[in-house]
Amino acid sequence: MKKILTLLILVVTLSGCSVQTKKVSTSGASKVTVAVALPNQLALGTIGTTIFSNKSMTARVSGTPLTTRIRNIANKQISGAGKIQLVKSNGSLDRANSVKRNGWSGKPEIQNKAALMQKARSLGANYLLLITGKDTQEPFYGTNGYINDIGVIQRSIFGLKRANAFAALNMHVFDTATGNEASTYYSLSKNPRDGKPWITPQNLPKTNEVEEIIAGLSLENEISKGLAEMGLR
């Protein structure tokens, strides 16, 4: 009985520990290139009073694609820090990768990993930074609902309405020689949208509203924080 109690205490203690992001081992000669796998749309959802009133919607992002925006932010942060050399891919790796997410863990599964690593190596990169969306339980309302990628999640219950914009991103660094994952970081950007127009299938965000949602998420700060945690800036 004493052993069981000790084990339970250990489990509870460990479950409350935060996992430290492993820093990538780099040198002055190390080079990194960036790939992004994200749909060019916002994921929009409403969690209602019952499951029958839940809704899932999307809103297209016009102008510069989300993949290009995220890649440009990462490129700027890496090259500006000068800690590791940046090799620009100009989107070639975005088009080359084929990423699916594990339905249980939300982690990316690269379908053509060997070919993607070879492509990154051909650019002269020792490391590949792959930024994807993440499926994760919503952290705002205490429900069993899920969020993914970049978007807005709304909660409506008995006439009360709340809304939050979010960006749920996974940042993974791979060693291009071995294909092994060298580091990973999960980023969650949040921005309350209470009082903003309620999103419905008949009232989807217009182009200027989509841009407002993206701008309010401070993606530069979150990506910068992740790169620093992983040792890339």
Protein backbone atom coordinates (compact mmCIF):
# COMPACT_ATOMS: atom_id res chain seq x y z
CA MET A 1 0.00 0.00 0.00
CA LYS A 2 2.86 2.33 0.88
CA LYS A 3 4.52 1.61 -2.48
CA ILE A 4 1.30 2.34 -4.36
CA LEU A 5 0.85 5.63 -2.48
CA THR A 6 4.46 6.62 -3.23
CA LEU A 7 3.94 5.85 -6.91
CA LEU A 8 0.77 7.93 -7.03
CA ILE A 9 2.54 10.89 -5.44
CA LEU A 10 5.36 10.55 -7.97
CA VAL A 11 2.93 10.48 -10.91
CA VAL A 12 1.07 13.56 -9.66
CA THR A 13 4.35 15.40 -9.08
CA LEU A 14 5.71 14.58 -12.53
CA SER A 15 2.46 15.52 -14.25
CA GLY A 16 2.85 19.05 -12.95
CA CYS A 17 6.39 19.49 -14.30
CA SER A 18 6.98 21.59 -17.38
CA VAL A 19 9.01 20.01 -20.17
CA GLN A 20 12.08 22.04 -21.12
CA THR A 21 12.64 22.55 -24.84
CA LYS A 22 15.87 20.94 -26.00
CA LYS A 23 18.24 23.41 -27.63
CA VAL A 24 19.76 22.53 -30.99
CA SER A 25 23.51 21.99 -30.94
CA THR A 26 24.84 24.48 -33.49
CA SER A 27 28.17 25.94 -34.56
CA GLY A 28 29.14 28.93 -36.67
CA ALA A 29 29.05 26.69 -39.75
CA SER A 30 25.54 25.33 -39.04
CA LYS A 31 22.85 26.19 -41.57
CA VAL A 32 19.06 25.99 -41.27
CA THR A 33 16.29 26.24 -43.80
CA VAL A 34 12.57 26.72 -43.17
CA ALA A 35 9.45 24.92 -44.40
CA VAL A 36 5.84 25.65 -43.44
CA ALA A 37 2.79 23.37 -43.73
CA LEU A 38 -0.43 25.30 -43.08
CA PRO A 39 -3.73 25.60 -44.96
CA ASN A 40 -4.33 29.06 -46.41
CA GLN A 41 -7.42 29.65 -44.30
CA LEU A 42 -8.60 30.42 -40.79
CA ALA A 43 -10.19 27.61 -38.78
CA LEU A 44 -13.41 28.96 -37.27
CA GLY A 45 -15.54 27.17 -34.72
CA THR A 46 -18.44 27.66 -32.33
CA ILE A 47 -19.01 25.50 -29.25
CA GLY A 48 -22.68 25.70 -28.38
CA THR A 49 -24.85 24.69 -25.45
CA THR A 50 -25.18 21.19 -26.94
CA ILE A 51 -23.16 19.24 -29.46
CA PHE A 52 -25.91 19.86 -32.02
CA SER A 53 -25.26 23.60 -31.94
CA ASN A 54 -21.50 23.25 -32.55
CA LYS A 55 -20.29 24.67 -35.87
CA SER A 56 -17.09 24.39 -37.88
CA MET A 57 -16.25 26.91 -40.61
CA THR A 58 -13.30 28.33 -42.56
CA ALA A 59 -12.38 31.73 -43.99
CA ARG A 60 -9.89 32.06 -46.85
CA VAL A 61 -6.80 34.22 -46.39
CA SER A 62 -6.36 36.60 -49.32
CA GLY A 63 -3.14 38.19 -50.52
CA THR A 64 0.12 36.72 -49.20
CA PRO A 65 -0.40 33.03 -48.24
CA LEU A 66 -0.07 32.06 -44.57
CA THR A 67 2.85 29.74 -45.39
CA THR A 68 4.81 32.65 -46.88
CA ARG A 69 3.98 34.96 -43.97
CA ILE A 70 5.10 32.44 -41.35
CA ARG A 71 8.24 31.52 -43.29
CA ASN A 72 9.20 35.19 -43.75
CA ILE A 73 8.81 35.80 -40.01
CA ALA A 74 11.03 32.82 -39.15
CA ASN A 75 13.62 33.77 -41.78
CA LYS A 76 13.82 37.32 -40.46
CA GLN A 77 14.16 36.19 -36.85
CA ILE A 78 16.88 33.64 -37.64
CA SER A 79 18.97 35.86 -39.94
CA GLY A 80 18.61 38.86 -37.62
CA ALA A 81 19.99 36.91 -34.63
CA GLY A 82 23.07 35.69 -36.50
CA LYS A 83 23.41 32.60 -34.30
CA ILE A 84 22.99 30.15 -37.19
CA GLN A 85 23.24 30.68 -40.93
CA LEU A 86 19.95 30.88 -42.82
CA VAL A 87 19.45 29.14 -46.15
CA LYS A 88 16.38 30.55 -47.89
CA SER A 89 14.16 27.99 -49.60
CA ASN A 90 11.82 30.52 -51.27
CA GLY A 91 8.92 28.17 -50.69
CA SER A 92 10.40 25.16 -52.49
CA LEU A 93 10.23 23.07 -49.31
CA ASP A 94 6.66 24.18 -48.61
CA ARG A 95 5.66 22.67 -51.92
CA ALA A 96 7.84 19.58 -51.43
CA ASN A 97 6.59 18.51 -48.00
CA SER A 98 3.55 16.34 -47.40
CA VAL A 99 2.49 16.56 -43.77
CA LYS A 100 -0.41 14.86 -42.04
CA ARG A 101 -1.17 15.16 -38.36
CA ASN A 102 -1.60 12.25 -36.01
CA GLY A 103 -5.24 12.29 -34.91
CA TRP A 104 -4.31 11.41 -31.32
CA SER A 105 -1.22 13.49 -30.61
CA GLY A 106 -1.69 16.30 -33.15
CA LYS A 107 1.99 15.88 -34.08
CA PRO A 108 3.01 16.14 -37.73
CA GLU A 109 3.79 12.99 -39.65
CA ILE A 110 5.90 13.68 -42.73
CA GLN A 111 4.80 11.37 -45.51
CA ASN A 112 7.91 11.89 -47.66
CA LYS A 113 10.48 12.53 -44.93
CA ALA A 114 13.56 11.11 -46.69
CA ALA A 115 12.87 13.16 -49.83
CA LEU A 116 12.23 16.31 -47.79
CA MET A 117 15.49 15.91 -45.84
CA GLN A 118 17.38 15.30 -49.10
CA LYS A 119 15.86 18.45 -50.58
CA ALA A 120 16.92 20.45 -47.51
CA ARG A 121 20.45 18.98 -47.72
CA SER A 122 20.66 19.92 -51.40
CA LEU A 123 20.18 23.53 -50.30
CA GLY A 124 23.16 23.13 -47.99
CA ALA A 125 21.18 23.01 -44.73
CA ASN A 126 22.20 20.96 -41.69
CA TYR A 127 18.83 21.56 -40.08
CA LEU A 128 15.25 21.90 -41.25
CA LEU A 129 12.80 24.00 -39.25
CA LEU A 130 9.29 22.74 -40.02
CA ILE A 131 6.38 24.84 -38.78
CA THR A 132 2.94 23.22 -38.83
CA GLY A 133 -0.43 23.70 -37.22
CA LYS A 134 -1.39 21.70 -34.14
CA ASP A 135 -4.62 20.04 -33.06
CA THR A 136 -5.13 20.62 -29.35
CA GLN A 137 -7.91 20.90 -26.80
CA GLU A 138 -9.20 24.46 -26.56
CA PRO A 139 -7.74 26.25 -23.50
CA PHE A 140 -10.34 28.99 -23.13
CA TYR A 141 -13.70 27.62 -21.99
CA GLY A 142 -13.03 24.31 -20.25
CA THR A 143 -14.83 22.19 -22.84
CA ASN A 144 -13.81 19.10 -24.81
CA GLY A 145 -13.66 21.14 -28.01
CA TYR A 146 -10.53 21.30 -30.15
CA ILE A 147 -8.69 24.03 -32.03
CA ASN A 148 -6.17 23.74 -34.84
CA ASP A 149 -3.87 25.94 -36.91
CA ILE A 150 -4.87 29.63 -36.89
CA GLY A 151 -8.40 30.86 -36.35
CA VAL A 152 -11.18 31.80 -33.94
CA ILE A 153 -13.06 29.67 -31.41
CA GLN A 154 -16.37 30.95 -30.04
CA ARG A 155 -18.42 29.77 -27.06
CA SER A 156 -22.16 30.27 -26.84
CA ILE A 157 -24.11 28.99 -23.85
CA PHE A 158 -27.59 30.09 -22.76
CA GLY A 159 -27.25 33.39 -24.61
CA LEU A 160 -23.78 34.24 -23.25
CA LYS A 161 -21.14 34.65 -25.94
CA ARG A 162 -17.33 34.71 -25.83
CA ALA A 163 -14.69 34.50 -28.55
CA ASN A 164 -10.92 34.09 -28.83
CA ALA A 165 -8.54 34.19 -31.77
CA PHE A 166 -5.66 31.71 -31.62
CA ALA A 167 -2.63 30.35 -33.44
CA ALA A 168 -1.69 26.80 -32.40
CA LEU A 169 1.66 26.01 -34.02
CA ASN A 170 4.24 23.25 -33.76
CA MET A 171 7.86 24.16 -34.49
CA HIS A 172 10.11 21.19 -35.20
CA VAL A 173 13.83 21.11 -35.99
CA PHE A 174 15.18 18.08 -37.87
CA ASP A 175 18.76 17.03 -38.48
CA THR A 176 18.78 16.73 -42.27
CA ALA A 177 21.55 14.09 -42.25
CA THR A 178 19.66 11.61 -40.08
CA GLY A 179 16.06 12.84 -40.25
CA ASN A 180 15.95 12.75 -36.45
CA GLU A 181 14.07 15.45 -34.57
CA ALA A 182 16.57 17.68 -32.75
CA SER A 183 14.08 19.94 -30.97
CA THR A 184 10.38 20.82 -30.79
CA TYR A 185 8.37 23.74 -29.45
CA TYR A 186 4.63 24.25 -29.14
CA SER A 187 3.41 27.82 -29.51
CA LEU A 188 -0.06 29.10 -28.61
CA SER A 189 -0.93 32.72 -29.41
CA LYS A 190 -4.23 34.08 -28.03
CA ASN A 191 -6.24 37.23 -28.48
CA PRO A 192 -9.72 37.81 -26.93
CA ARG A 193 -12.44 38.84 -29.40
CA ASP A 194 -15.35 39.48 -27.06
CA GLY A 195 -17.63 42.12 -28.54
CA LYS A 196 -16.50 41.49 -32.13
CA PRO A 197 -19.05 40.47 -34.80
CA TRP A 198 -20.28 36.92 -34.16
CA ILE A 199 -19.09 34.49 -36.83
CA THR A 200 -21.69 32.29 -38.52
CA PRO A 201 -21.79 30.46 -41.87
CA GLN A 202 -23.78 33.44 -43.14
CA ASN A 203 -21.44 36.02 -41.56
CA LEU A 204 -17.88 34.88 -42.22
CA PRO A 205 -15.02 37.34 -41.65
CA LYS A 206 -14.35 39.65 -44.59
CA THR A 207 -10.84 40.20 -45.95
CA ASN A 208 -10.08 43.12 -43.62
CA GLU A 209 -11.43 41.19 -40.62
CA VAL A 210 -9.26 38.17 -41.48
CA GLU A 211 -6.21 40.45 -41.55
CA GLU A 212 -7.23 41.96 -38.20
CA ILE A 213 -7.48 38.49 -36.64
CA ILE A 214 -4.00 37.52 -37.88
CA ALA A 215 -2.41 40.82 -36.87
CA GLY A 216 -3.82 40.57 -33.34
CA LEU A 217 -2.03 37.28 -32.65
CA SER A 218 1.51 38.75 -32.46
CA LEU A 219 2.94 35.81 -34.41
CA GLU A 220 6.36 37.49 -34.59
CA ASN A 221 6.72 37.42 -30.80
CA GLU A 222 5.62 33.80 -30.45
CA ILE A 223 7.86 32.53 -33.25
CA SER A 224 10.78 34.54 -31.85
CA LYS A 225 10.23 32.96 -28.43
CA GLY A 226 10.14 29.46 -29.92
CA LEU A 227 13.32 29.98 -31.93
CA ALA A 228 15.11 31.25 -28.82
CA GLU A 229 13.93 28.24 -26.78
CA MET A 230 15.24 25.89 -29.49
CA GLY A 231 18.58 27.71 -29.72
CA LEU A 232 18.11 29.15 -33.22
CA ARG A 233 18.34 32.80 -32.16
